[in-house]
Amino acid sequence: MSKSGDAFMKLDKTPYEGEFVGMCEGVIVAHSKSFDEVYDATVKACGSKYVPFVTQVLPAECMLL
């Protein structure tokens, strides 16, 4: 997994439930309910040096199958 993927798995996601989170190299650089806003801010923060990581934080009671 990527550095950001590993960091996301260990992250306390409670403050970000229902939002999208953007990370570069394991550091949160943006979060919002708007995917486009987070994606744009993350791409800008990562530049061409790093691959942006954007994912949605689902509420704890959600289960993906």
PDB file of N, CA and C in Angstrom:
ATOM      1  N   MET A   1       0.852  -1.182   0.000  1.00  0.00           N
ATOM      2  CA  MET A   1       0.000   0.000   0.000  1.00  0.00           C
ATOM      3  C   MET A   1       0.895   1.242   0.000  1.00  0.00           C
ATOM      4  N   SER A   2       0.328   2.364  -0.337  1.00  0.00           N
ATOM      5  CA  SER A   2       1.077   3.626  -0.386  1.00  0.00           C
ATOM      6  C   SER A   2       1.271   4.200   1.018  1.00  0.00           C
ATOM      7  N   LYS A   3       2.159   5.150   1.128  1.00  0.00           N
ATOM      8  CA  LYS A   3       2.395   5.816   2.411  1.00  0.00           C
ATOM      9  C   LYS A   3       1.101   6.471   2.916  1.00  0.00           C
ATOM     10  N   SER A   4       0.362   7.111   1.997  1.00  0.00           N
ATOM     11  CA  SER A   4      -0.907   7.744   2.385  1.00  0.00           C
ATOM     12  C   SER A   4      -1.955   6.699   2.730  1.00  0.00           C
ATOM     13  N   GLY A   5      -1.986   5.606   1.996  1.00  0.00           N
ATOM     14  CA  GLY A   5      -2.942   4.531   2.289  1.00  0.00           C
ATOM     15  C   GLY A   5      -2.712   3.953   3.666  1.00  0.00           C
ATOM     16  N   ASP A   6      -1.447   3.708   3.998  1.00  0.00           N
ATOM     17  CA  ASP A   6      -1.104   3.198   5.324  1.00  0.00           C
ATOM     18  C   ASP A   6      -1.490   4.200   6.418  1.00  0.00           C
ATOM     19  N   ALA A   7      -1.185   5.479   6.182  1.00  0.00           N
ATOM     20  CA  ALA A   7      -1.508   6.520   7.163  1.00  0.00           C
ATOM     21  C   ALA A   7      -3.025   6.632   7.344  1.00  0.00           C
ATOM     22  N   PHE A   8      -3.777   6.515   6.253  1.00  0.00           N
ATOM     23  CA  PHE A   8      -5.236   6.604   6.331  1.00  0.00           C
ATOM     24  C   PHE A   8      -5.806   5.462   7.172  1.00  0.00           C
ATOM     25  N   MET A   9      -5.268   4.262   7.008  1.00  0.00           N
ATOM     26  CA  MET A   9      -5.773   3.119   7.766  1.00  0.00           C
ATOM     27  C   MET A   9      -5.560   3.306   9.264  1.00  0.00           C
ATOM     28  N   LYS A  10      -4.508   4.006   9.664  1.00  0.00           N
ATOM     29  CA  LYS A  10      -4.192   4.223  11.079  1.00  0.00           C
ATOM     30  C   LYS A  10      -4.849   5.488  11.651  1.00  0.00           C
ATOM     31  N   LEU A  11      -5.401   6.311  10.786  1.00  0.00           N
ATOM     32  CA  LEU A  11      -5.959   7.609  11.159  1.00  0.00           C
ATOM     33  C   LEU A  11      -7.223   7.489  12.006  1.00  0.00           C
ATOM     34  N   ASP A  12      -7.363   8.361  13.003  1.00  0.00           N
ATOM     35  CA  ASP A  12      -8.628   8.492  13.727  1.00  0.00           C
ATOM     36  C   ASP A  12      -9.575   9.230  12.784  1.00  0.00           C
ATOM     37  N   LYS A  13     -10.481   8.499  12.180  1.00  0.00           N
ATOM     38  CA  LYS A  13     -11.348   9.046  11.134  1.00  0.00           C
ATOM     39  C   LYS A  13     -12.581   9.776  11.677  1.00  0.00           C
ATOM     40  N   THR A  14     -12.817   9.683  12.978  1.00  0.00           N
ATOM     41  CA  THR A  14     -14.020  10.256  13.590  1.00  0.00           C
ATOM     42  C   THR A  14     -14.269  11.715  13.196  1.00  0.00           C
ATOM     43  N   PRO A  15     -13.267  12.604  13.211  1.00  0.00           N
ATOM     44  CA  PRO A  15     -13.541  14.003  12.873  1.00  0.00           C
ATOM     45  C   PRO A  15     -13.887  14.232  11.395  1.00  0.00           C
ATOM     46  N   TYR A  16     -13.636  13.226  10.554  1.00  0.00           N
ATOM     47  CA  TYR A  16     -13.812  13.395   9.113  1.00  0.00           C
ATOM     48  C   TYR A  16     -14.992  12.598   8.551  1.00  0.00           C
ATOM     49  N   GLU A  17     -15.813  11.981   9.420  1.00  0.00           N
ATOM     50  CA  GLU A  17     -16.934  11.160   8.939  1.00  0.00           C
ATOM     51  C   GLU A  17     -17.835  11.965   8.007  1.00  0.00           C
ATOM     52  N   GLY A  18     -18.142  11.362   6.867  1.00  0.00           N
ATOM     53  CA  GLY A  18     -19.004  12.004   5.879  1.00  0.00           C
ATOM     54  C   GLY A  18     -18.278  12.960   4.955  1.00  0.00           C
ATOM     55  N   GLU A  19     -16.979  13.079   5.113  1.00  0.00           N
ATOM     56  CA  GLU A  19     -16.189  13.987   4.276  1.00  0.00           C
ATOM     57  C   GLU A  19     -15.214  13.206   3.404  1.00  0.00           C
ATOM     58  N   PHE A  20     -14.673  13.902   2.436  1.00  0.00           N
ATOM     59  CA  PHE A  20     -13.561  13.383   1.648  1.00  0.00           C
ATOM     60  C   PHE A  20     -12.280  13.899   2.281  1.00  0.00           C
ATOM     61  N   VAL A  21     -11.247  13.081   2.251  1.00  0.00           N
ATOM     62  CA  VAL A  21      -9.948  13.438   2.814  1.00  0.00           C
ATOM     63  C   VAL A  21      -8.908  13.304   1.718  1.00  0.00           C
ATOM     64  N   GLY A  22      -8.043  14.310   1.600  1.00  0.00           N
ATOM     65  CA  GLY A  22      -6.949  14.267   0.642  1.00  0.00           C
ATOM     66  C   GLY A  22      -5.621  14.243   1.368  1.00  0.00           C
ATOM     67  N   MET A  23      -4.719  13.362   0.912  1.00  0.00           N
ATOM     68  CA  MET A  23      -3.421  13.215   1.572  1.00  0.00           C
ATOM     69  C   MET A  23      -2.288  13.193   0.541  1.00  0.00           C
ATOM     70  N   CYS A  24      -1.132  13.675   0.992  1.00  0.00           N
ATOM     71  CA  CYS A  24       0.107  13.573   0.228  1.00  0.00           C
ATOM     72  C   CYS A  24       1.159  12.984   1.154  1.00  0.00           C
ATOM     73  N   GLU A  25       1.726  11.885   0.747  1.00  0.00           N
ATOM     74  CA  GLU A  25       2.786  11.239   1.526  1.00  0.00           C
ATOM     75  C   GLU A  25       2.412  11.048   2.996  1.00  0.00           C
ATOM     76  N   GLY A  26       1.147  10.675   3.239  1.00  0.00           N
ATOM     77  CA  GLY A  26       0.709  10.362   4.593  1.00  0.00           C
ATOM     78  C   GLY A  26       0.253  11.538   5.428  1.00  0.00           C
ATOM     79  N   VAL A  27       0.197  12.735   4.833  1.00  0.00           N
ATOM     80  CA  VAL A  27      -0.205  13.942   5.555  1.00  0.00           C
ATOM     81  C   VAL A  27      -1.522  14.465   4.963  1.00  0.00           C
ATOM     82  N   ILE A  28      -2.499  14.740   5.838  1.00  0.00           N
ATOM     83  CA  ILE A  28      -3.772  15.301   5.370  1.00  0.00           C
ATOM     84  C   ILE A  28      -3.527  16.737   4.896  1.00  0.00           C
ATOM     85  N   VAL A  29      -3.923  17.002   3.661  1.00  0.00           N
ATOM     86  CA  VAL A  29      -3.746  18.345   3.101  1.00  0.00           C
ATOM     87  C   VAL A  29      -5.084  19.023   2.813  1.00  0.00           C
ATOM     88  N   ALA A  30      -6.190  18.243   2.829  1.00  0.00           N
ATOM     89  CA  ALA A  30      -7.512  18.824   2.577  1.00  0.00           C
ATOM     90  C   ALA A  30      -8.598  17.881   3.087  1.00  0.00           C
ATOM     91  N   HIS A  31      -9.733  18.459   3.494  1.00  0.00           N
ATOM     92  CA  HIS A  31     -10.919  17.669   3.821  1.00  0.00           C
ATOM     93  C   HIS A  31     -12.144  18.549   3.663  1.00  0.00           C
ATOM     94  N   SER A  32     -13.212  17.948   3.138  1.00  0.00           N
ATOM     95  CA  SER A  32     -14.444  18.682   2.865  1.00  0.00           C
ATOM     96  C   SER A  32     -15.506  17.680   2.435  1.00  0.00           C
ATOM     97  N   LYS A  33     -16.747  18.112   2.398  1.00  0.00           N
ATOM     98  CA  LYS A  33     -17.823  17.272   1.877  1.00  0.00           C
ATOM     99  C   LYS A  33     -17.832  17.279   0.343  1.00  0.00           C
ATOM    100  N   SER A  34     -17.052  18.157  -0.262  1.00  0.00           N
ATOM    101  CA  SER A  34     -16.987  18.269  -1.716  1.00  0.00           C
ATOM    102  C   SER A  34     -15.769  17.525  -2.260  1.00  0.00           C
ATOM    103  N   PHE A  35     -16.027  16.485  -3.069  1.00  0.00           N
ATOM    104  CA  PHE A  35     -14.920  15.739  -3.678  1.00  0.00           C
ATOM    105  C   PHE A  35     -14.058  16.652  -4.544  1.00  0.00           C
ATOM    106  N   ASP A  36     -14.705  17.449  -5.386  1.00  0.00           N
ATOM    107  CA  ASP A  36     -13.957  18.325  -6.303  1.00  0.00           C
ATOM    108  C   ASP A  36     -13.035  19.278  -5.544  1.00  0.00           C
ATOM    109  N   GLU A  37     -13.523  19.843  -4.472  1.00  0.00           N
ATOM    110  CA  GLU A  37     -12.731  20.769  -3.661  1.00  0.00           C
ATOM    111  C   GLU A  37     -11.502  20.064  -3.069  1.00  0.00           C
ATOM    112  N   VAL A  38     -11.717  18.880  -2.520  1.00  0.00           N
ATOM    113  CA  VAL A  38     -10.616  18.125  -1.917  1.00  0.00           C
ATOM    114  C   VAL A  38      -9.631  17.665  -2.992  1.00  0.00           C
ATOM    115  N   TYR A  39     -10.148  17.172  -4.100  1.00  0.00           N
ATOM    116  CA  TYR A  39      -9.268  16.698  -5.170  1.00  0.00           C
ATOM    117  C   TYR A  39      -8.380  17.832  -5.688  1.00  0.00           C
ATOM    118  N   ASP A  40      -8.990  18.965  -5.990  1.00  0.00           N
ATOM    119  CA  ASP A  40      -8.222  20.105  -6.510  1.00  0.00           C
ATOM    120  C   ASP A  40      -7.156  20.566  -5.512  1.00  0.00           C
ATOM    121  N   ALA A  41      -7.528  20.674  -4.243  1.00  0.00           N
ATOM    122  CA  ALA A  41      -6.574  21.115  -3.218  1.00  0.00           C
ATOM    123  C   ALA A  41      -5.452  20.092  -3.025  1.00  0.00           C
ATOM    124  N   THR A  42      -5.790  18.819  -3.111  1.00  0.00           N
ATOM    125  CA  THR A  42      -4.787  17.765  -2.930  1.00  0.00           C
ATOM    126  C   THR A  42      -3.816  17.722  -4.091  1.00  0.00           C
ATOM    127  N   VAL A  43      -4.315  17.821  -5.314  1.00  0.00           N
ATOM    128  CA  VAL A  43      -3.439  17.844  -6.490  1.00  0.00           C
ATOM    129  C   VAL A  43      -2.495  19.037  -6.413  1.00  0.00           C
ATOM    130  N   LYS A  44      -3.026  20.182  -6.006  1.00  0.00           N
ATOM    131  CA  LYS A  44      -2.199  21.387  -5.878  1.00  0.00           C
ATOM    132  C   LYS A  44      -1.131  21.193  -4.802  1.00  0.00           C
ATOM    133  N   ALA A  45      -1.508  20.612  -3.662  1.00  0.00           N
ATOM    134  CA  ALA A  45      -0.563  20.418  -2.565  1.00  0.00           C
ATOM    135  C   ALA A  45       0.505  19.379  -2.897  1.00  0.00           C
ATOM    136  N   CYS A  46       0.129  18.344  -3.618  1.00  0.00           N
ATOM    137  CA  CYS A  46       1.071  17.270  -3.946  1.00  0.00           C
ATOM    138  C   CYS A  46       2.018  17.660  -5.077  1.00  0.00           C
ATOM    139  N   GLY A  47       1.542  18.530  -5.958  1.00  0.00           N
ATOM    140  CA  GLY A  47       2.367  18.889  -7.110  1.00  0.00           C
ATOM    141  C   GLY A  47       2.619  17.663  -7.981  1.00  0.00           C
ATOM    142  N   SER A  48       3.650  17.711  -8.774  1.00  0.00           N
ATOM    143  CA  SER A  48       3.948  16.582  -9.659  1.00  0.00           C
ATOM    144  C   SER A  48       4.871  15.568  -8.996  1.00  0.00           C
ATOM    145  N   LYS A  49       5.333  15.886  -7.793  1.00  0.00           N
ATOM    146  CA  LYS A  49       6.282  15.015  -7.104  1.00  0.00           C
ATOM    147  C   LYS A  49       5.603  13.812  -6.449  1.00  0.00           C
ATOM    148  N   TYR A  50       4.361  13.974  -5.959  1.00  0.00           N
ATOM    149  CA  TYR A  50       3.675  12.919  -5.235  1.00  0.00           C
ATOM    150  C   TYR A  50       2.336  12.587  -5.887  1.00  0.00           C
ATOM    151  N   VAL A  51       1.867  11.379  -5.654  1.00  0.00           N
ATOM    152  CA  VAL A  51       0.563  10.951  -6.156  1.00  0.00           C
ATOM    153  C   VAL A  51      -0.490  11.331  -5.125  1.00  0.00           C
ATOM    154  N   PRO A  52      -1.522  12.079  -5.526  1.00  0.00           N
ATOM    155  CA  PRO A  52      -2.562  12.459  -4.567  1.00  0.00           C
ATOM    156  C   PRO A  52      -3.390  11.242  -4.144  1.00  0.00           C
ATOM    157  N   PHE A  53      -3.820  11.244  -2.897  1.00  0.00           N
ATOM    158  CA  PHE A  53      -4.663  10.182  -2.338  1.00  0.00           C
ATOM    159  C   PHE A  53      -5.921  10.850  -1.820  1.00  0.00           C
ATOM    160  N   VAL A  54      -7.081  10.496  -2.399  1.00  0.00           N
ATOM    161  CA  VAL A  54      -8.360  11.071  -1.974  1.00  0.00           C
ATOM    162  C   VAL A  54      -9.337   9.931  -1.723  1.00  0.00           C
ATOM    163  N   THR A  55      -9.993   9.961  -0.590  1.00  0.00           N
ATOM    164  CA  THR A  55     -10.981   8.934  -0.268  1.00  0.00           C
ATOM    165  C   THR A  55     -12.077   9.538   0.598  1.00  0.00           C
ATOM    166  N   GLN A  56     -13.213   8.853   0.631  1.00  0.00           N
ATOM    167  CA  GLN A  56     -14.322   9.310   1.471  1.00  0.00           C
ATOM    168  C   GLN A  56     -14.304   8.539   2.788  1.00  0.00           C
ATOM    169  N   VAL A  57     -14.545   9.234   3.875  1.00  0.00           N
ATOM    170  CA  VAL A  57     -14.635   8.613   5.191  1.00  0.00           C
ATOM    171  C   VAL A  57     -16.113   8.338   5.460  1.00  0.00           C
ATOM    172  N   LEU A  58     -16.453   7.088   5.473  1.00  0.00           N
ATOM    173  CA  LEU A  58     -17.840   6.704   5.706  1.00  0.00           C
ATOM    174  C   LEU A  58     -18.137   6.673   7.202  1.00  0.00           C
ATOM    175  N   PRO A  59     -19.396   6.881   7.579  1.00  0.00           N
ATOM    176  CA  PRO A  59     -19.759   6.787   8.992  1.00  0.00           C
ATOM    177  C   PRO A  59     -19.423   5.388   9.536  1.00  0.00           C
ATOM    178  N   ALA A  60     -19.126   5.305  10.806  1.00  0.00           N
ATOM    179  CA  ALA A  60     -18.709   4.053  11.423  1.00  0.00           C
ATOM    180  C   ALA A  60     -19.737   2.938  11.259  1.00  0.00           C
ATOM    181  N   GLU A  61     -21.006   3.291  11.184  1.00  0.00           N
ATOM    182  CA  GLU A  61     -22.040   2.256  11.077  1.00  0.00           C
ATOM    183  C   GLU A  61     -22.199   1.691   9.663  1.00  0.00           C
ATOM    184  N   CYS A  62     -21.507   2.244   8.682  1.00  0.00           N
ATOM    185  CA  CYS A  62     -21.560   1.728   7.318  1.00  0.00           C
ATOM    186  C   CYS A  62     -20.644   0.517   7.173  1.00  0.00           C
ATOM    187  N   MET A  63     -21.099  -0.423   6.362  1.00  0.00           N
ATOM    188  CA  MET A  63     -20.289  -1.606   6.105  1.00  0.00           C
ATOM    189  C   MET A  63     -20.269  -1.853   4.605  1.00  0.00           C
ATOM    190  N   LEU A  64     -19.077  -1.976   4.041  1.00  0.00           N
ATOM    191  CA  LEU A  64     -18.935  -2.261   2.620  1.00  0.00           C
ATOM    192  C   LEU A  64     -18.737  -3.750   2.428  1.00  0.00           C
ATOM    193  N   LEU A  65     -19.419  -4.276   1.453  1.00  0.00           N
ATOM    194  CA  LEU A  65     -19.273  -5.714   1.151  1.00  0.00           C
ATOM    195  C   LEU A  65     -18.599  -5.888  -0.189  1.00  0.00           C
TER     196      LEU A  65
END
